[in-house]
PDB file of N, CA and C in Angstrom:
ATOM      1  N   MET A   1       5.565   6.954  10.922  1.00  0.00           N
ATOM      2  CA  MET A   1       6.325   5.946  10.204  1.00  0.00           C
ATOM      3  C   MET A   1       7.797   6.342  10.249  1.00  0.00           C
ATOM      4  N   ALA A   2       8.649   5.440  10.677  1.00  0.00           N
ATOM      5  CA  ALA A   2      10.084   5.680  10.682  1.00  0.00           C
ATOM      6  C   ALA A   2      10.559   5.785   9.239  1.00  0.00           C
ATOM      7  N   ALA A   3      11.494   6.665   9.025  1.00  0.00           N
ATOM      8  CA  ALA A   3      11.903   7.062   7.675  1.00  0.00           C
ATOM      9  C   ALA A   3      12.196   5.921   6.709  1.00  0.00           C
ATOM     10  N   THR A   4      13.436   5.542   6.578  1.00  0.00           N
ATOM     11  CA  THR A   4      13.859   4.693   5.472  1.00  0.00           C
ATOM     12  C   THR A   4      13.331   3.261   5.543  1.00  0.00           C
ATOM     13  N   SER A   5      13.481   2.585   6.652  1.00  0.00           N
ATOM     14  CA  SER A   5      13.097   1.175   6.696  1.00  0.00           C
ATOM     15  C   SER A   5      11.589   0.992   6.475  1.00  0.00           C
ATOM     16  N   SER A   6      10.785   1.879   7.045  1.00  0.00           N
ATOM     17  CA  SER A   6       9.341   1.785   6.835  1.00  0.00           C
ATOM     18  C   SER A   6       8.988   2.097   5.388  1.00  0.00           C
ATOM     19  N   ARG A   7       9.632   3.085   4.829  1.00  0.00           N
ATOM     20  CA  ARG A   7       9.392   3.439   3.422  1.00  0.00           C
ATOM     21  C   ARG A   7       9.734   2.263   2.529  1.00  0.00           C
ATOM     22  N   GLU A   8      10.845   1.601   2.821  1.00  0.00           N
ATOM     23  CA  GLU A   8      11.249   0.436   2.039  1.00  0.00           C
ATOM     24  C   GLU A   8      10.247  -0.703   2.214  1.00  0.00           C
ATOM     25  N   SER A   9       9.741  -0.870   3.422  1.00  0.00           N
ATOM     26  CA  SER A   9       8.749  -1.914   3.681  1.00  0.00           C
ATOM     27  C   SER A   9       7.475  -1.654   2.882  1.00  0.00           C
ATOM     28  N   VAL A  10       7.020  -0.409   2.870  1.00  0.00           N
ATOM     29  CA  VAL A  10       5.831  -0.049   2.102  1.00  0.00           C
ATOM     30  C   VAL A  10       6.089  -0.297   0.620  1.00  0.00           C
ATOM     31  N   ASP A  11       7.241   0.108   0.146  1.00  0.00           N
ATOM     32  CA  ASP A  11       7.606  -0.104  -1.258  1.00  0.00           C
ATOM     33  C   ASP A  11       7.584  -1.595  -1.598  1.00  0.00           C
ATOM     34  N   ASN A  12       8.170  -2.410  -0.736  1.00  0.00           N
ATOM     35  CA  ASN A  12       8.204  -3.853  -0.977  1.00  0.00           C
ATOM     36  C   ASN A  12       6.802  -4.454  -0.996  1.00  0.00           C
ATOM     37  N   LEU A  13       5.944  -4.006  -0.087  1.00  0.00           N
ATOM     38  CA  LEU A  13       4.576  -4.515  -0.056  1.00  0.00           C
ATOM     39  C   LEU A  13       3.814  -4.131  -1.323  1.00  0.00           C
ATOM     40  N   PHE A  14       3.983  -2.898  -1.756  1.00  0.00           N
ATOM     41  CA  PHE A  14       3.311  -2.460  -2.985  1.00  0.00           C
ATOM     42  C   PHE A  14       3.794  -3.285  -4.174  1.00  0.00           C
ATOM     43  N   ARG A  15       5.078  -3.534  -4.228  1.00  0.00           N
ATOM     44  CA  ARG A  15       5.616  -4.339  -5.336  1.00  0.00           C
ATOM     45  C   ARG A  15       5.105  -5.778  -5.269  1.00  0.00           C
ATOM     46  N   THR A  16       4.984  -6.304  -4.066  1.00  0.00           N
ATOM     47  CA  THR A  16       4.492  -7.675  -3.891  1.00  0.00           C
ATOM     48  C   THR A  16       3.047  -7.805  -4.339  1.00  0.00           C
ATOM     49  N   TYR A  17       2.207  -6.879  -3.892  1.00  0.00           N
ATOM     50  CA  TYR A  17       0.775  -6.991  -4.170  1.00  0.00           C
ATOM     51  C   TYR A  17       0.350  -6.385  -5.508  1.00  0.00           C
ATOM     52  N   LEU A  18       1.089  -5.399  -5.996  1.00  0.00           N
ATOM     53  CA  LEU A  18       0.663  -4.711  -7.213  1.00  0.00           C
ATOM     54  C   LEU A  18       1.608  -4.901  -8.396  1.00  0.00           C
ATOM     55  N   GLY A  19       2.754  -5.493  -8.156  1.00  0.00           N
ATOM     56  CA  GLY A  19       3.713  -5.714  -9.238  1.00  0.00           C
ATOM     57  C   GLY A  19       4.173  -4.394  -9.850  1.00  0.00           C
ATOM     58  N   PRO A  20       4.309  -4.348 -11.169  1.00  0.00           N
ATOM     59  CA  PRO A  20       4.817  -3.149 -11.839  1.00  0.00           C
ATOM     60  C   PRO A  20       3.962  -1.904 -11.617  1.00  0.00           C
ATOM     61  N   MET A  21       2.697  -2.106 -11.300  1.00  0.00           N
ATOM     62  CA  MET A  21       1.809  -0.976 -11.039  1.00  0.00           C
ATOM     63  C   MET A  21       2.316  -0.124  -9.868  1.00  0.00           C
ATOM     64  N   ALA A  22       3.053  -0.740  -8.956  1.00  0.00           N
ATOM     65  CA  ALA A  22       3.572  -0.037  -7.778  1.00  0.00           C
ATOM     66  C   ALA A  22       4.465   1.137  -8.164  1.00  0.00           C
ATOM     67  N   ILE A  23       5.179   1.000  -9.246  1.00  0.00           N
ATOM     68  CA  ILE A  23       6.101   2.055  -9.688  1.00  0.00           C
ATOM     69  C   ILE A  23       5.347   3.341  -9.999  1.00  0.00           C
ATOM     70  N   VAL A  24       4.131   3.210 -10.463  1.00  0.00           N
ATOM     71  CA  VAL A  24       3.316   4.366 -10.831  1.00  0.00           C
ATOM     72  C   VAL A  24       2.535   4.912  -9.635  1.00  0.00           C
ATOM     73  N   VAL A  25       1.893   4.034  -8.884  1.00  0.00           N
ATOM     74  CA  VAL A  25       0.969   4.499  -7.853  1.00  0.00           C
ATOM     75  C   VAL A  25       1.653   4.975  -6.574  1.00  0.00           C
ATOM     76  N   LEU A  26       2.763   4.369  -6.208  1.00  0.00           N
ATOM     77  CA  LEU A  26       3.411   4.753  -4.959  1.00  0.00           C
ATOM     78  C   LEU A  26       3.902   6.204  -4.970  1.00  0.00           C
ATOM     79  N   PRO A  27       4.543   6.673  -6.030  1.00  0.00           N
ATOM     80  CA  PRO A  27       4.928   8.091  -6.049  1.00  0.00           C
ATOM     81  C   PRO A  27       3.733   9.039  -5.938  1.00  0.00           C
ATOM     82  N   ASP A  28       2.608   8.681  -6.548  1.00  0.00           N
ATOM     83  CA  ASP A  28       1.410   9.513  -6.442  1.00  0.00           C
ATOM     84  C   ASP A  28       0.911   9.577  -5.002  1.00  0.00           C
ATOM     85  N   LEU A  29       0.907   8.441  -4.329  1.00  0.00           N
ATOM     86  CA  LEU A  29       0.499   8.421  -2.921  1.00  0.00           C
ATOM     87  C   LEU A  29       1.461   9.231  -2.051  1.00  0.00           C
ATOM     88  N   GLU A  30       2.738   9.148  -2.356  1.00  0.00           N
ATOM     89  CA  GLU A  30       3.732   9.896  -1.585  1.00  0.00           C
ATOM     90  C   GLU A  30       3.524  11.399  -1.733  1.00  0.00           C
ATOM     91  N   LYS A  31       3.163  11.847  -2.912  1.00  0.00           N
ATOM     92  CA  LYS A  31       2.914  13.277  -3.133  1.00  0.00           C
ATOM     93  C   LYS A  31       1.759  13.768  -2.266  1.00  0.00           C
ATOM     94  N   LYS A  32       0.757  12.911  -2.086  1.00  0.00           N
ATOM     95  CA  LYS A  32      -0.408  13.270  -1.281  1.00  0.00           C
ATOM     96  C   LYS A  32      -0.141  13.111   0.211  1.00  0.00           C
ATOM     97  N   GLY A  33       0.917  12.400   0.550  1.00  0.00           N
ATOM     98  CA  GLY A  33       1.252  12.128   1.944  1.00  0.00           C
ATOM     99  C   GLY A  33       1.012  10.659   2.234  1.00  0.00           C
ATOM    100  N   LEU A  34       2.060   9.955   2.528  1.00  0.00           N
ATOM    101  CA  LEU A  34       1.987   8.508   2.722  1.00  0.00           C
ATOM    102  C   LEU A  34       1.582   8.209   4.163  1.00  0.00           C
ATOM    103  N   THR A  35       0.287   8.269   4.407  1.00  0.00           N
ATOM    104  CA  THR A  35      -0.241   7.978   5.737  1.00  0.00           C
ATOM    105  C   THR A  35      -0.914   6.612   5.730  1.00  0.00           C
ATOM    106  N   LYS A  36      -1.026   6.029   6.909  1.00  0.00           N
ATOM    107  CA  LYS A  36      -1.684   4.727   7.023  1.00  0.00           C
ATOM    108  C   LYS A  36      -3.107   4.800   6.479  1.00  0.00           C
ATOM    109  N   GLU A  37      -3.833   5.833   6.855  1.00  0.00           N
ATOM    110  CA  GLU A  37      -5.221   5.967   6.433  1.00  0.00           C
ATOM    111  C   GLU A  37      -5.341   6.077   4.917  1.00  0.00           C
ATOM    112  N   ARG A  38      -4.458   6.847   4.316  1.00  0.00           N
ATOM    113  CA  ARG A  38      -4.503   7.036   2.864  1.00  0.00           C
ATOM    114  C   ARG A  38      -4.180   5.724   2.139  1.00  0.00           C
ATOM    115  N   VAL A  39      -3.187   5.008   2.641  1.00  0.00           N
ATOM    116  CA  VAL A  39      -2.808   3.741   1.999  1.00  0.00           C
ATOM    117  C   VAL A  39      -3.928   2.714   2.147  1.00  0.00           C
ATOM    118  N   LEU A  40      -4.515   2.613   3.331  1.00  0.00           N
ATOM    119  CA  LEU A  40      -5.611   1.662   3.541  1.00  0.00           C
ATOM    120  C   LEU A  40      -6.810   2.001   2.662  1.00  0.00           C
ATOM    121  N   SER A  41      -7.111   3.271   2.532  1.00  0.00           N
ATOM    122  CA  SER A  41      -8.195   3.708   1.670  1.00  0.00           C
ATOM    123  C   SER A  41      -7.898   3.355   0.208  1.00  0.00           C
ATOM    124  N   TYR A  42      -6.658   3.524  -0.200  1.00  0.00           N
ATOM    125  CA  TYR A  42      -6.255   3.200  -1.559  1.00  0.00           C
ATOM    126  C   TYR A  42      -6.421   1.699  -1.828  1.00  0.00           C
ATOM    127  N   ILE A  43      -6.044   0.880  -0.848  1.00  0.00           N
ATOM    128  CA  ILE A  43      -6.197  -0.568  -0.996  1.00  0.00           C
ATOM    129  C   ILE A  43      -7.681  -0.918  -1.135  1.00  0.00           C
ATOM    130  N   ASP A  44      -8.529  -0.272  -0.333  1.00  0.00           N
ATOM    131  CA  ASP A  44      -9.972  -0.484  -0.454  1.00  0.00           C
ATOM    132  C   ASP A  44     -10.463  -0.140  -1.859  1.00  0.00           C
ATOM    133  N   ASP A  45      -9.975   0.973  -2.386  1.00  0.00           N
ATOM    134  CA  ASP A  45     -10.361   1.384  -3.748  1.00  0.00           C
ATOM    135  C   ASP A  45      -9.934   0.337  -4.782  1.00  0.00           C
ATOM    136  N   LEU A  46      -8.730  -0.194  -4.614  1.00  0.00           N
ATOM    137  CA  LEU A  46      -8.251  -1.219  -5.549  1.00  0.00           C
ATOM    138  C   LEU A  46      -9.122  -2.463  -5.486  1.00  0.00           C
ATOM    139  N   GLN A  47      -9.571  -2.800  -4.294  1.00  0.00           N
ATOM    140  CA  GLN A  47     -10.447  -3.966  -4.155  1.00  0.00           C
ATOM    141  C   GLN A  47     -11.794  -3.702  -4.831  1.00  0.00           C
ATOM    142  N   LYS A  48     -12.348  -2.518  -4.608  1.00  0.00           N
ATOM    143  CA  LYS A  48     -13.644  -2.170  -5.210  1.00  0.00           C
ATOM    144  C   LYS A  48     -13.573  -2.178  -6.736  1.00  0.00           C
ATOM    145  N   LYS A  49     -12.415  -1.792  -7.282  1.00  0.00           N
ATOM    146  CA  LYS A  49     -12.239  -1.747  -8.735  1.00  0.00           C
ATOM    147  C   LYS A  49     -11.876  -3.109  -9.320  1.00  0.00           C
ATOM    148  N   GLY A  50     -11.672  -4.107  -8.448  1.00  0.00           N
ATOM    149  CA  GLY A  50     -11.347  -5.437  -8.918  1.00  0.00           C
ATOM    150  C   GLY A  50      -9.880  -5.673  -9.206  1.00  0.00           C
ATOM    151  N   VAL A  51      -9.036  -4.726  -8.830  1.00  0.00           N
ATOM    152  CA  VAL A  51      -7.595  -4.878  -9.038  1.00  0.00           C
ATOM    153  C   VAL A  51      -7.031  -5.888  -8.044  1.00  0.00           C
ATOM    154  N   LEU A  52      -7.562  -5.870  -6.827  1.00  0.00           N
ATOM    155  CA  LEU A  52      -7.163  -6.818  -5.784  1.00  0.00           C
ATOM    156  C   LEU A  52      -8.374  -7.641  -5.370  1.00  0.00           C
ATOM    157  N   GLY A  53      -8.141  -8.915  -5.129  1.00  0.00           N
ATOM    158  CA  GLY A  53      -9.191  -9.757  -4.575  1.00  0.00           C
ATOM    159  C   GLY A  53      -9.352  -9.463  -3.092  1.00  0.00           C
ATOM    160  N   ALA A  54     -10.445  -9.928  -2.513  1.00  0.00           N
ATOM    161  CA  ALA A  54     -10.738  -9.662  -1.107  1.00  0.00           C
ATOM    162  C   ALA A  54      -9.648 -10.204  -0.190  1.00  0.00           C
ATOM    163  N   ASP A  55      -9.200 -11.426  -0.422  1.00  0.00           N
ATOM    164  CA  ASP A  55      -8.169 -12.017   0.433  1.00  0.00           C
ATOM    165  C   ASP A  55      -6.861 -11.235   0.351  1.00  0.00           C
ATOM    166  N   SER A  56      -6.471 -10.872  -0.857  1.00  0.00           N
ATOM    167  CA  SER A  56      -5.234 -10.106  -1.033  1.00  0.00           C
ATOM    168  C   SER A  56      -5.337  -8.740  -0.364  1.00  0.00           C
ATOM    169  N   ALA A  57      -6.489  -8.114  -0.493  1.00  0.00           N
ATOM    170  CA  ALA A  57      -6.679  -6.796   0.113  1.00  0.00           C
ATOM    171  C   ALA A  57      -6.563  -6.880   1.634  1.00  0.00           C
ATOM    172  N   VAL A  58      -7.152  -7.899   2.221  1.00  0.00           N
ATOM    173  CA  VAL A  58      -7.081  -8.070   3.676  1.00  0.00           C
ATOM    174  C   VAL A  58      -5.633  -8.288   4.120  1.00  0.00           C
ATOM    175  N   LYS A  59      -4.927  -9.144   3.415  1.00  0.00           N
ATOM    176  CA  LYS A  59      -3.523  -9.411   3.757  1.00  0.00           C
ATOM    177  C   LYS A  59      -2.664  -8.160   3.569  1.00  0.00           C
ATOM    178  N   PHE A  60      -2.870  -7.462   2.468  1.00  0.00           N
ATOM    179  CA  PHE A  60      -2.127  -6.240   2.170  1.00  0.00           C
ATOM    180  C   PHE A  60      -2.358  -5.207   3.269  1.00  0.00           C
ATOM    181  N   LYS A  61      -3.607  -4.999   3.655  1.00  0.00           N
ATOM    182  CA  LYS A  61      -3.921  -4.022   4.702  1.00  0.00           C
ATOM    183  C   LYS A  61      -3.321  -4.436   6.040  1.00  0.00           C
ATOM    184  N   ARG A  62      -3.366  -5.698   6.351  1.00  0.00           N
ATOM    185  CA  ARG A  62      -2.788  -6.181   7.606  1.00  0.00           C
ATOM    186  C   ARG A  62      -1.286  -5.895   7.649  1.00  0.00           C
ATOM    187  N   GLU A  63      -0.612  -6.136   6.535  1.00  0.00           N
ATOM    188  CA  GLU A  63       0.836  -5.893   6.491  1.00  0.00           C
ATOM    189  C   GLU A  63       1.152  -4.392   6.529  1.00  0.00           C
ATOM    190  N   ILE A  64       0.343  -3.586   5.875  1.00  0.00           N
ATOM    191  CA  ILE A  64       0.540  -2.133   5.934  1.00  0.00           C
ATOM    192  C   ILE A  64       0.349  -1.633   7.358  1.00  0.00           C
ATOM    193  N   GLU A  65      -0.684  -2.123   8.039  1.00  0.00           N
ATOM    194  CA  GLU A  65      -0.924  -1.713   9.428  1.00  0.00           C
ATOM    195  C   GLU A  65       0.270  -2.066  10.314  1.00  0.00           C
ATOM    196  N   ALA A  66       0.898  -3.201  10.063  1.00  0.00           N
ATOM    197  CA  ALA A  66       2.072  -3.594  10.842  1.00  0.00           C
ATOM    198  C   ALA A  66       3.242  -2.646  10.608  1.00  0.00           C
ATOM    199  N   VAL A  67       3.402  -2.183   9.385  1.00  0.00           N
ATOM    200  CA  VAL A  67       4.490  -1.251   9.072  1.00  0.00           C
ATOM    201  C   VAL A  67       4.283   0.077   9.792  1.00  0.00           C
ATOM    202  N   PHE A  68       3.037   0.533   9.837  1.00  0.00           N
ATOM    203  CA  PHE A  68       2.732   1.830  10.443  1.00  0.00           C
ATOM    204  C   PHE A  68       2.547   1.763  11.963  1.00  0.00           C
ATOM    205  N   ALA A  69       2.572   0.547  12.527  1.00  0.00           N
ATOM    206  CA  ALA A  69       2.347   0.392  13.974  1.00  0.00           C
ATOM    207  C   ALA A  69       3.502   0.934  14.799  1.00  0.00           C
TER     208      ALA A  69
END
């Protein structure tokens, strides 16, 4: 992932899909290492917990994959 612009893109996507929750969860993910696999797994977890609907999760993952491509 390219440094600043990709980081900003990920931040924007998290804010779009998770709203204020992004402020809390994104720093935690960054501490663990902000990898495509980790972010996609996290989105799956959010869907399983009912935080994200199936359609939103698919769109979110598609956009994350584009950022990391």
